[in-house]
């Protein structure tokens, strides 16, 4: 097996980081109660009420600061 060049390694690393970033984007922007990624390897259950309460709290604090 030949050693990889720095260009080949950088393309591989950027591809992996991009795939992880895409999964994180799906997880954080989704409004679903449960998410399954990678054919069930990553299974998330979200508490939307707690998230909504946190968002409302942040909005109230922002409004009070103005």
C-alpha atoms as a PDB file:
ATOM      1  CA  UNK A   1       0.000   0.000   0.000  1.00  0.00           C
ATOM      2  CA  UNK A   2       1.405   3.355  -1.025  1.00  0.00           C
ATOM      3  CA  UNK A   3       1.515   6.192   1.493  1.00  0.00           C
ATOM      4  CA  UNK A   4      -1.078   8.899   1.004  1.00  0.00           C
ATOM      5  CA  UNK A   5      -0.109  12.400  -0.043  1.00  0.00           C
ATOM      6  CA  UNK A   6      -1.042  15.419   2.049  1.00  0.00           C
ATOM      7  CA  UNK A   7      -3.682  16.374  -0.530  1.00  0.00           C
ATOM      8  CA  UNK A   8      -5.387  12.977  -0.340  1.00  0.00           C
ATOM      9  CA  UNK A   9      -5.368  13.050   3.454  1.00  0.00           C
ATOM     10  CA  UNK A  10      -6.824  16.548   3.569  1.00  0.00           C
ATOM     11  CA  UNK A  11      -9.653  15.560   1.189  1.00  0.00           C
ATOM     12  CA  UNK A  12     -10.456  12.553   3.387  1.00  0.00           C
ATOM     13  CA  UNK A  13     -10.417  14.594   6.588  1.00  0.00           C
ATOM     14  CA  UNK A  14     -12.585  17.351   5.101  1.00  0.00           C
ATOM     15  CA  UNK A  15     -15.066  14.748   3.827  1.00  0.00           C
ATOM     16  CA  UNK A  16     -15.379  13.159   7.269  1.00  0.00           C
ATOM     17  CA  UNK A  17     -15.772  16.524   9.007  1.00  0.00           C
ATOM     18  CA  UNK A  18     -18.388  17.546   6.441  1.00  0.00           C
ATOM     19  CA  UNK A  19     -20.384  14.355   7.045  1.00  0.00           C
ATOM     20  CA  UNK A  20     -20.285  14.882  10.813  1.00  0.00           C
ATOM     21  CA  UNK A  21     -21.300  18.522  10.355  1.00  0.00           C
ATOM     22  CA  UNK A  22     -24.250  17.472   8.198  1.00  0.00           C
ATOM     23  CA  UNK A  23     -25.439  15.045  10.876  1.00  0.00           C
ATOM     24  CA  UNK A  24     -25.125  17.745  13.543  1.00  0.00           C
ATOM     25  CA  UNK A  25     -27.114  20.152  11.374  1.00  0.00           C
ATOM     26  CA  UNK A  26     -29.893  17.581  11.035  1.00  0.00           C
ATOM     27  CA  UNK A  27     -29.946  16.945  14.777  1.00  0.00           C
ATOM     28  CA  UNK A  28     -30.012  20.590  15.861  1.00  0.00           C
ATOM     29  CA  UNK A  29     -32.389  21.999  13.222  1.00  0.00           C
ATOM     30  CA  UNK A  30     -34.945  19.188  13.326  1.00  0.00           C
ATOM     31  CA  UNK A  31     -38.303  19.715  15.020  1.00  0.00           C
ATOM     32  CA  UNK A  32     -38.992  15.994  15.379  1.00  0.00           C
ATOM     33  CA  UNK A  33     -39.416  14.277  18.745  1.00  0.00           C
ATOM     34  CA  UNK A  34     -37.161  11.383  17.790  1.00  0.00           C
ATOM     35  CA  UNK A  35     -34.293  11.122  15.316  1.00  0.00           C
ATOM     36  CA  UNK A  36     -32.586   8.033  13.955  1.00  0.00           C
ATOM     37  CA  UNK A  37     -29.335   8.483  12.056  1.00  0.00           C
ATOM     38  CA  UNK A  38     -26.964   5.979  10.479  1.00  0.00           C
ATOM     39  CA  UNK A  39     -29.595   3.221  10.266  1.00  0.00           C
ATOM     40  CA  UNK A  40     -30.378   3.427  13.974  1.00  0.00           C
ATOM     41  CA  UNK A  41     -26.829   3.703  15.325  1.00  0.00           C
ATOM     42  CA  UNK A  42     -27.648   7.180  16.611  1.00  0.00           C
ATOM     43  CA  UNK A  43     -31.116   7.352  18.169  1.00  0.00           C
ATOM     44  CA  UNK A  44     -32.182  10.600  19.850  1.00  0.00           C
ATOM     45  CA  UNK A  45     -35.280  11.439  21.884  1.00  0.00           C
ATOM     46  CA  UNK A  46     -35.910  15.156  22.365  1.00  0.00           C
ATOM     47  CA  UNK A  47     -37.985  16.990  24.959  1.00  0.00           C
ATOM     48  CA  UNK A  48     -39.528  19.758  22.859  1.00  0.00           C
ATOM     49  CA  UNK A  49     -41.295  21.382  25.829  1.00  0.00           C
ATOM     50  CA  UNK A  50     -37.986  21.990  27.604  1.00  0.00           C
ATOM     51  CA  UNK A  51     -36.462  23.420  24.428  1.00  0.00           C
ATOM     52  CA  UNK A  52     -39.463  25.701  23.855  1.00  0.00           C
ATOM     53  CA  UNK A  53     -39.336  26.932  27.476  1.00  0.00           C
ATOM     54  CA  UNK A  54     -35.623  27.723  27.064  1.00  0.00           C
ATOM     55  CA  UNK A  55     -36.264  29.673  23.851  1.00  0.00           C
ATOM     56  CA  UNK A  56     -39.093  31.644  25.470  1.00  0.00           C
ATOM     57  CA  UNK A  57     -36.870  32.422  28.460  1.00  0.00           C
ATOM     58  CA  UNK A  58     -34.117  33.731  26.157  1.00  0.00           C
ATOM     59  CA  UNK A  59     -36.624  35.890  24.258  1.00  0.00           C
ATOM     60  CA  UNK A  60     -37.959  37.376  27.499  1.00  0.00           C
ATOM     61  CA  UNK A  61     -34.462  38.185  28.712  1.00  0.00           C
ATOM     62  CA  UNK A  62     -33.661  39.839  25.372  1.00  0.00           C
ATOM     63  CA  UNK A  63     -36.862  41.898  25.488  1.00  0.00           C
ATOM     64  CA  UNK A  64     -36.120  43.069  29.044  1.00  0.00           C
ATOM     65  CA  UNK A  65     -32.657  44.269  27.996  1.00  0.00           C
ATOM     66  CA  UNK A  66     -34.041  46.689  25.413  1.00  0.00           C
END
